[in-house]
Each structure stands twice: as structure tokens, then as C-alpha cells.
């Protein structure tokens, strides 16, 4: 069972990195000025990464309860899929949304079953 948990956490980690990538790509492709592009393209992924590490990561500094953690993860991954959709990656956006929804569901169920 430990190998399954390792694979799930690894896939979730790569999904998190992909989410950060989507926010960065979206930020750099908005049609506004260079300063705003840099702020959103670098700042948004940075804010999301820091927030994830502080509140949502498996070893978060300030761990949140299940009733907060699951919806927030789904919201972040959904916004990431929307960012992919906005930059023209429609098929990848839908695929990413479905995969991350399954990952959140499976990893959180795994965490629940190991704590009981």
C-alpha cells in the first residue's frame, strides 16, 4: 500500500507544478502591459505555491481541516484548468480538471483511511 501512496503523492505533486505553470502562462499571456504580465506571470504562481505550502501540503506549516482543504484544492485546480482554457489549451484544460479532481478525491480518501 505504501507504493500506491507514493505514486499518488508524486502524481499530485506534478499536478501542483502543472497548476503553477498554468497560472504563470496565463499571467504572461494577458494583453495588458509588461509590468502587469510580469506581476501576474511570476507573482500569481508564487502566491499560490507559498499558500499551498503553508496550508494545503501534506506537511503544511498550518494544516487545515478536511472541510477546508478539499474545497480549496478543488478551487485551485479548477482555476488552473480555467487558465489553461483561457490560453487556448481547451482539451488539456478539461483533461487536467478531470485528473486533478480524481487525484484530490483519491489522496484525501487515502489520508482519511490511514488515520482511522
N, C-alpha and C. Protein backbone atom coordinates (compact mmCIF):
# COMPACT_ATOMS: atom_id res chain seq x y z
N UNK A 1 0.81 -1.20 0.00
CA UNK A 1 0.00 0.00 0.00
C UNK A 1 0.85 1.27 0.00
N UNK A 2 2.04 1.20 0.56
CA UNK A 2 2.88 2.39 0.60
C UNK A 2 3.29 2.84 -0.80
N UNK A 3 3.48 1.89 -1.71
CA UNK A 3 3.87 2.26 -3.07
C UNK A 3 2.74 3.01 -3.77
N UNK A 4 1.50 2.65 -3.49
CA UNK A 4 0.37 3.36 -4.08
C UNK A 4 0.31 4.79 -3.54
N UNK A 5 0.54 4.93 -2.25
CA UNK A 5 0.54 6.27 -1.65
C UNK A 5 1.65 7.13 -2.24
N UNK A 6 2.81 6.55 -2.43
CA UNK A 6 3.94 7.29 -3.02
C UNK A 6 3.59 7.74 -4.43
N UNK A 7 2.99 6.85 -5.23
CA UNK A 7 2.61 7.21 -6.60
C UNK A 7 1.55 8.31 -6.61
N UNK A 8 0.58 8.21 -5.72
CA UNK A 8 -0.47 9.22 -5.67
C UNK A 8 0.10 10.59 -5.27
N UNK A 9 0.99 10.58 -4.28
CA UNK A 9 1.59 11.85 -3.86
C UNK A 9 2.49 12.43 -4.95
N UNK A 10 3.18 11.56 -5.69
CA UNK A 10 4.02 12.02 -6.79
C UNK A 10 3.17 12.63 -7.90
N UNK A 11 2.09 11.95 -8.27
CA UNK A 11 1.19 12.49 -9.29
C UNK A 11 0.58 13.81 -8.85
N UNK A 12 0.21 13.89 -7.59
CA UNK A 12 -0.35 15.14 -7.05
C UNK A 12 0.68 16.26 -7.10
N UNK A 13 1.92 15.94 -6.79
CA UNK A 13 2.99 16.94 -6.84
C UNK A 13 3.15 17.48 -8.27
N UNK A 14 3.15 16.58 -9.25
CA UNK A 14 3.27 17.04 -10.64
C UNK A 14 2.04 17.83 -11.07
N UNK A 15 0.87 17.49 -10.56
CA UNK A 15 -0.33 18.26 -10.85
C UNK A 15 -0.22 19.66 -10.25
N UNK A 16 0.35 19.75 -9.06
CA UNK A 16 0.56 21.06 -8.43
C UNK A 16 1.52 21.91 -9.26
N UNK A 17 2.60 21.30 -9.74
CA UNK A 17 3.55 22.03 -10.58
C UNK A 17 2.89 22.49 -11.88
N UNK A 18 2.05 21.63 -12.44
CA UNK A 18 1.34 21.98 -13.67
C UNK A 18 0.37 23.12 -13.41
N UNK A 19 -0.26 23.13 -12.26
CA UNK A 19 -1.16 24.23 -11.91
C UNK A 19 -0.38 25.54 -11.83
N UNK A 20 0.79 25.51 -11.22
CA UNK A 20 1.62 26.72 -11.15
C UNK A 20 2.02 27.18 -12.54
N UNK A 21 2.34 26.22 -13.40
CA UNK A 21 2.69 26.54 -14.78
C UNK A 21 1.52 27.23 -15.48
N UNK A 22 0.32 26.74 -15.28
CA UNK A 22 -0.85 27.34 -15.95
C UNK A 22 -1.05 28.78 -15.50
N UNK A 23 -0.89 29.03 -14.20
CA UNK A 23 -1.05 30.40 -13.71
C UNK A 23 0.02 31.33 -14.30
N UNK A 24 1.24 30.83 -14.39
CA UNK A 24 2.31 31.63 -14.98
C UNK A 24 2.08 31.91 -16.45
N UNK A 25 1.72 30.88 -17.21
CA UNK A 25 1.45 31.06 -18.64
C UNK A 25 0.32 32.04 -18.87
N UNK A 26 -0.75 31.89 -18.09
CA UNK A 26 -1.88 32.80 -18.22
C UNK A 26 -1.45 34.23 -17.92
N UNK A 27 -0.68 34.41 -16.86
CA UNK A 27 -0.24 35.75 -16.48
C UNK A 27 0.59 36.43 -17.54
N UNK A 28 1.45 35.67 -18.20
CA UNK A 28 2.31 36.25 -19.23
C UNK A 28 1.58 36.45 -20.56
N UNK A 29 0.40 35.86 -20.72
CA UNK A 29 -0.32 36.00 -21.99
C UNK A 29 -1.49 36.96 -21.94
N UNK A 30 -1.66 37.67 -20.83
CA UNK A 30 -2.74 38.66 -20.82
C UNK A 30 -2.34 39.82 -21.73
N UNK A 31 -3.30 40.50 -22.33
CA UNK A 31 -2.97 41.53 -23.32
C UNK A 31 -2.67 42.90 -22.73
N UNK A 32 -2.30 42.96 -21.48
CA UNK A 32 -2.01 44.26 -20.84
C UNK A 32 -0.51 44.54 -20.89
N UNK A 33 -0.07 45.53 -20.13
CA UNK A 33 1.31 45.97 -20.13
C UNK A 33 2.30 44.95 -19.58
N UNK A 34 3.56 45.22 -19.84
CA UNK A 34 4.64 44.32 -19.45
C UNK A 34 4.74 44.16 -17.93
N UNK A 35 4.54 45.24 -17.20
CA UNK A 35 4.63 45.16 -15.74
C UNK A 35 3.55 44.24 -15.17
N UNK A 36 2.33 44.37 -15.65
CA UNK A 36 1.24 43.51 -15.18
C UNK A 36 1.48 42.05 -15.57
N UNK A 37 2.00 41.85 -16.78
CA UNK A 37 2.32 40.49 -17.21
C UNK A 37 3.34 39.85 -16.28
N UNK A 38 4.37 40.59 -15.93
CA UNK A 38 5.40 40.07 -15.02
C UNK A 38 4.85 39.84 -13.62
N UNK A 39 4.04 40.77 -13.14
CA UNK A 39 3.44 40.60 -11.81
C UNK A 39 2.56 39.36 -11.75
N UNK A 40 1.72 39.18 -12.75
CA UNK A 40 0.83 38.01 -12.74
C UNK A 40 1.57 36.74 -13.12
N UNK A 41 2.47 36.82 -14.09
CA UNK A 41 3.18 35.63 -14.55
C UNK A 41 4.13 35.05 -13.52
N UNK A 42 4.67 35.89 -12.68
CA UNK A 42 5.60 35.42 -11.63
C UNK A 42 4.91 35.43 -10.27
N UNK A 43 4.18 36.50 -9.99
CA UNK A 43 3.58 36.68 -8.67
C UNK A 43 2.47 35.70 -8.35
N UNK A 44 1.57 35.44 -9.30
CA UNK A 44 0.46 34.54 -9.03
C UNK A 44 0.92 33.12 -8.71
N UNK A 45 1.81 32.53 -9.52
CA UNK A 45 2.30 31.19 -9.14
C UNK A 45 3.04 31.19 -7.81
N UNK A 46 3.75 32.26 -7.53
CA UNK A 46 4.48 32.35 -6.26
C UNK A 46 3.53 32.40 -5.07
N UNK A 47 2.48 33.20 -5.17
CA UNK A 47 1.49 33.29 -4.09
C UNK A 47 0.78 31.95 -3.89
N UNK A 48 0.41 31.30 -5.00
CA UNK A 48 -0.27 30.00 -4.90
C UNK A 48 0.66 28.96 -4.27
N UNK A 49 1.93 28.94 -4.69
CA UNK A 49 2.89 27.96 -4.16
C UNK A 49 3.13 28.17 -2.66
N UNK A 50 3.28 29.40 -2.25
CA UNK A 50 3.51 29.68 -0.83
C UNK A 50 2.27 29.32 -0.02
N UNK A 51 1.10 29.69 -0.51
CA UNK A 51 -0.15 29.37 0.19
C UNK A 51 -0.35 27.87 0.30
N UNK A 52 -0.07 27.15 -0.79
CA UNK A 52 -0.21 25.69 -0.79
C UNK A 52 0.72 25.08 0.26
N UNK A 53 1.95 25.54 0.28
CA UNK A 53 2.92 25.00 1.24
C UNK A 53 2.54 25.30 2.68
N UNK A 54 1.97 26.46 2.92
CA UNK A 54 1.60 26.84 4.28
C UNK A 54 0.36 26.12 4.78
N UNK A 55 -0.62 25.91 3.89
CA UNK A 55 -1.92 25.43 4.35
C UNK A 55 -2.39 24.08 3.80
N UNK A 56 -1.95 23.68 2.61
CA UNK A 56 -2.53 22.52 1.96
C UNK A 56 -1.60 21.33 1.77
N UNK A 57 -0.32 21.54 1.89
CA UNK A 57 0.65 20.46 1.65
C UNK A 57 0.51 19.37 2.73
N UNK A 58 0.97 18.14 2.42
CA UNK A 58 0.89 17.07 3.43
C UNK A 58 1.59 17.43 4.75
N UNK A 59 2.67 18.18 4.67
CA UNK A 59 3.38 18.62 5.88
C UNK A 59 3.29 20.14 6.00
N UNK A 60 2.08 20.66 5.90
CA UNK A 60 1.86 22.11 5.94
C UNK A 60 2.26 22.70 7.28
N UNK A 61 2.73 23.94 7.23
CA UNK A 61 3.09 24.66 8.45
C UNK A 61 1.85 24.89 9.30
N UNK A 62 0.76 25.27 8.66
CA UNK A 62 -0.52 25.50 9.32
C UNK A 62 -1.57 24.59 8.67
N UNK A 63 -1.64 23.34 9.05
CA UNK A 63 -2.56 22.41 8.38
C UNK A 63 -4.02 22.83 8.58
N UNK A 64 -4.79 22.63 7.52
CA UNK A 64 -6.21 22.97 7.57
C UNK A 64 -7.03 21.69 7.73
N UNK A 65 -8.25 21.86 8.15
CA UNK A 65 -9.15 20.72 8.30
C UNK A 65 -9.63 20.23 6.95
N UNK A 66 -10.15 19.06 6.95
CA UNK A 66 -10.62 18.41 5.73
C UNK A 66 -11.70 19.23 5.02
N UNK A 67 -12.58 19.84 5.79
CA UNK A 67 -13.69 20.60 5.21
C UNK A 67 -13.22 21.88 4.51
N UNK A 68 -12.03 22.33 4.80
CA UNK A 68 -11.45 23.48 4.11
C UNK A 68 -10.49 23.02 3.02
N UNK A 69 -9.68 22.05 3.33
CA UNK A 69 -8.62 21.60 2.42
C UNK A 69 -9.16 21.10 1.08
N UNK A 70 -10.17 20.25 1.10
CA UNK A 70 -10.68 19.67 -0.15
C UNK A 70 -11.28 20.74 -1.07
N UNK A 71 -12.19 21.58 -0.58
CA UNK A 71 -12.74 22.61 -1.49
C UNK A 71 -11.67 23.58 -2.02
N UNK A 72 -10.73 23.94 -1.18
CA UNK A 72 -9.70 24.88 -1.64
C UNK A 72 -8.82 24.24 -2.71
N UNK A 73 -8.46 22.97 -2.53
CA UNK A 73 -7.68 22.28 -3.56
C UNK A 73 -8.46 22.20 -4.86
N UNK A 74 -9.74 21.88 -4.77
CA UNK A 74 -10.57 21.79 -5.98
C UNK A 74 -10.68 23.16 -6.65
N UNK A 75 -10.81 24.21 -5.87
CA UNK A 75 -10.89 25.56 -6.43
C UNK A 75 -9.59 25.93 -7.14
N UNK A 76 -8.45 25.65 -6.51
CA UNK A 76 -7.17 25.99 -7.13
C UNK A 76 -6.97 25.21 -8.43
N UNK A 77 -7.25 23.91 -8.41
CA UNK A 77 -7.09 23.13 -9.63
C UNK A 77 -8.11 23.55 -10.69
N UNK A 78 -9.31 23.94 -10.29
CA UNK A 78 -10.31 24.41 -11.24
C UNK A 78 -9.86 25.72 -11.89
N UNK A 79 -9.34 26.63 -11.08
CA UNK A 79 -8.83 27.89 -11.63
C UNK A 79 -7.65 27.65 -12.57
N UNK A 80 -6.85 26.66 -12.24
CA UNK A 80 -5.74 26.29 -13.11
C UNK A 80 -6.26 25.77 -14.45
N UNK A 81 -7.28 24.93 -14.42
CA UNK A 81 -7.88 24.43 -15.66
C UNK A 81 -8.48 25.58 -16.47
N UNK A 82 -9.10 26.53 -15.78
CA UNK A 82 -9.65 27.70 -16.47
C UNK A 82 -8.54 28.52 -17.11
N UNK A 83 -7.40 28.62 -16.43
CA UNK A 83 -6.25 29.34 -17.00
C UNK A 83 -5.77 28.64 -18.27
N UNK A 84 -5.69 27.31 -18.24
CA UNK A 84 -5.32 26.59 -19.46
C UNK A 84 -6.33 26.84 -20.57
N UNK A 85 -7.60 26.82 -20.22
CA UNK A 85 -8.66 27.08 -21.21
C UNK A 85 -8.51 28.48 -21.79
N UNK A 86 -8.21 29.44 -20.95
CA UNK A 86 -8.09 30.83 -21.39
C UNK A 86 -6.92 31.06 -22.34
N UNK A 87 -5.88 30.25 -22.23
CA UNK A 87 -4.74 30.42 -23.14
C UNK A 87 -4.84 29.52 -24.37
N UNK A 88 -6.01 28.89 -24.54
CA UNK A 88 -6.25 28.13 -25.75
C UNK A 88 -6.01 26.64 -25.66
N UNK A 89 -5.71 26.13 -24.50
CA UNK A 89 -5.46 24.70 -24.32
C UNK A 89 -6.72 24.02 -23.80
N UNK A 90 -7.74 23.98 -24.63
CA UNK A 90 -9.06 23.52 -24.20
C UNK A 90 -9.09 22.04 -23.82
N UNK A 91 -8.54 21.18 -24.66
CA UNK A 91 -8.55 19.75 -24.35
C UNK A 91 -7.72 19.46 -23.11
N UNK A 92 -6.55 20.09 -23.01
CA UNK A 92 -5.71 19.87 -21.84
C UNK A 92 -6.39 20.40 -20.58
N UNK A 93 -7.11 21.50 -20.69
CA UNK A 93 -7.82 22.06 -19.53
C UNK A 93 -8.84 21.07 -18.99
N UNK A 94 -9.62 20.49 -19.88
CA UNK A 94 -10.63 19.52 -19.45
C UNK A 94 -9.97 18.27 -18.87
N UNK A 95 -8.96 17.77 -19.54
CA UNK A 95 -8.24 16.58 -19.05
C UNK A 95 -7.60 16.84 -17.69
N UNK A 96 -6.97 18.00 -17.56
CA UNK A 96 -6.32 18.36 -16.31
C UNK A 96 -7.34 18.46 -15.18
N UNK A 97 -8.49 19.05 -15.46
CA UNK A 97 -9.53 19.18 -14.45
C UNK A 97 -10.01 17.81 -13.97
N UNK A 98 -10.27 16.91 -14.90
CA UNK A 98 -10.76 15.57 -14.54
C UNK A 98 -9.71 14.81 -13.74
N UNK A 99 -8.46 14.85 -14.19
CA UNK A 99 -7.40 14.11 -13.49
C UNK A 99 -7.18 14.67 -12.09
N UNK A 100 -7.13 15.99 -11.96
CA UNK A 100 -6.87 16.57 -10.64
C UNK A 100 -8.05 16.35 -9.68
N UNK A 101 -9.26 16.36 -10.21
CA UNK A 101 -10.41 16.06 -9.37
C UNK A 101 -10.32 14.64 -8.81
N UNK A 102 -9.92 13.71 -9.67
CA UNK A 102 -9.74 12.33 -9.20
C UNK A 102 -8.58 12.23 -8.21
N UNK A 103 -7.50 12.95 -8.47
CA UNK A 103 -6.35 12.90 -7.55
C UNK A 103 -6.71 13.44 -6.17
N UNK A 104 -7.40 14.57 -6.13
CA UNK A 104 -7.80 15.14 -4.84
C UNK A 104 -8.70 14.16 -4.10
N UNK A 105 -9.65 13.59 -4.81
CA UNK A 105 -10.57 12.64 -4.19
C UNK A 105 -9.82 11.42 -3.64
N UNK A 106 -8.96 10.85 -4.45
CA UNK A 106 -8.24 9.63 -4.02
C UNK A 106 -7.24 9.91 -2.91
N UNK A 107 -6.48 11.00 -3.01
CA UNK A 107 -5.48 11.27 -1.98
C UNK A 107 -6.13 11.64 -0.65
N UNK A 108 -7.22 12.39 -0.71
CA UNK A 108 -7.89 12.74 0.55
C UNK A 108 -8.57 11.52 1.16
N UNK A 109 -9.12 10.63 0.34
CA UNK A 109 -9.69 9.38 0.87
C UNK A 109 -8.60 8.51 1.46
N UNK A 110 -7.44 8.49 0.83
CA UNK A 110 -6.32 7.73 1.37
C UNK A 110 -5.92 8.29 2.74
N UNK A 111 -5.84 9.61 2.85
CA UNK A 111 -5.48 10.23 4.13
C UNK A 111 -6.49 9.91 5.19
N UNK A 112 -7.78 9.89 4.85
CA UNK A 112 -8.81 9.55 5.82
C UNK A 112 -8.69 8.11 6.27
N UNK A 113 -8.49 7.21 5.33
CA UNK A 113 -8.47 5.79 5.68
C UNK A 113 -7.24 5.41 6.49
N UNK A 114 -6.12 6.14 6.33
CA UNK A 114 -4.92 5.82 7.09
C UNK A 114 -4.98 6.38 8.50
N UNK A 115 -5.83 7.38 8.74
CA UNK A 115 -5.92 7.98 10.07
C UNK A 115 -6.94 7.28 10.96
N UNK A 116 -7.82 6.47 10.37
CA UNK A 116 -8.87 5.82 11.16
C UNK A 116 -8.36 4.56 11.82
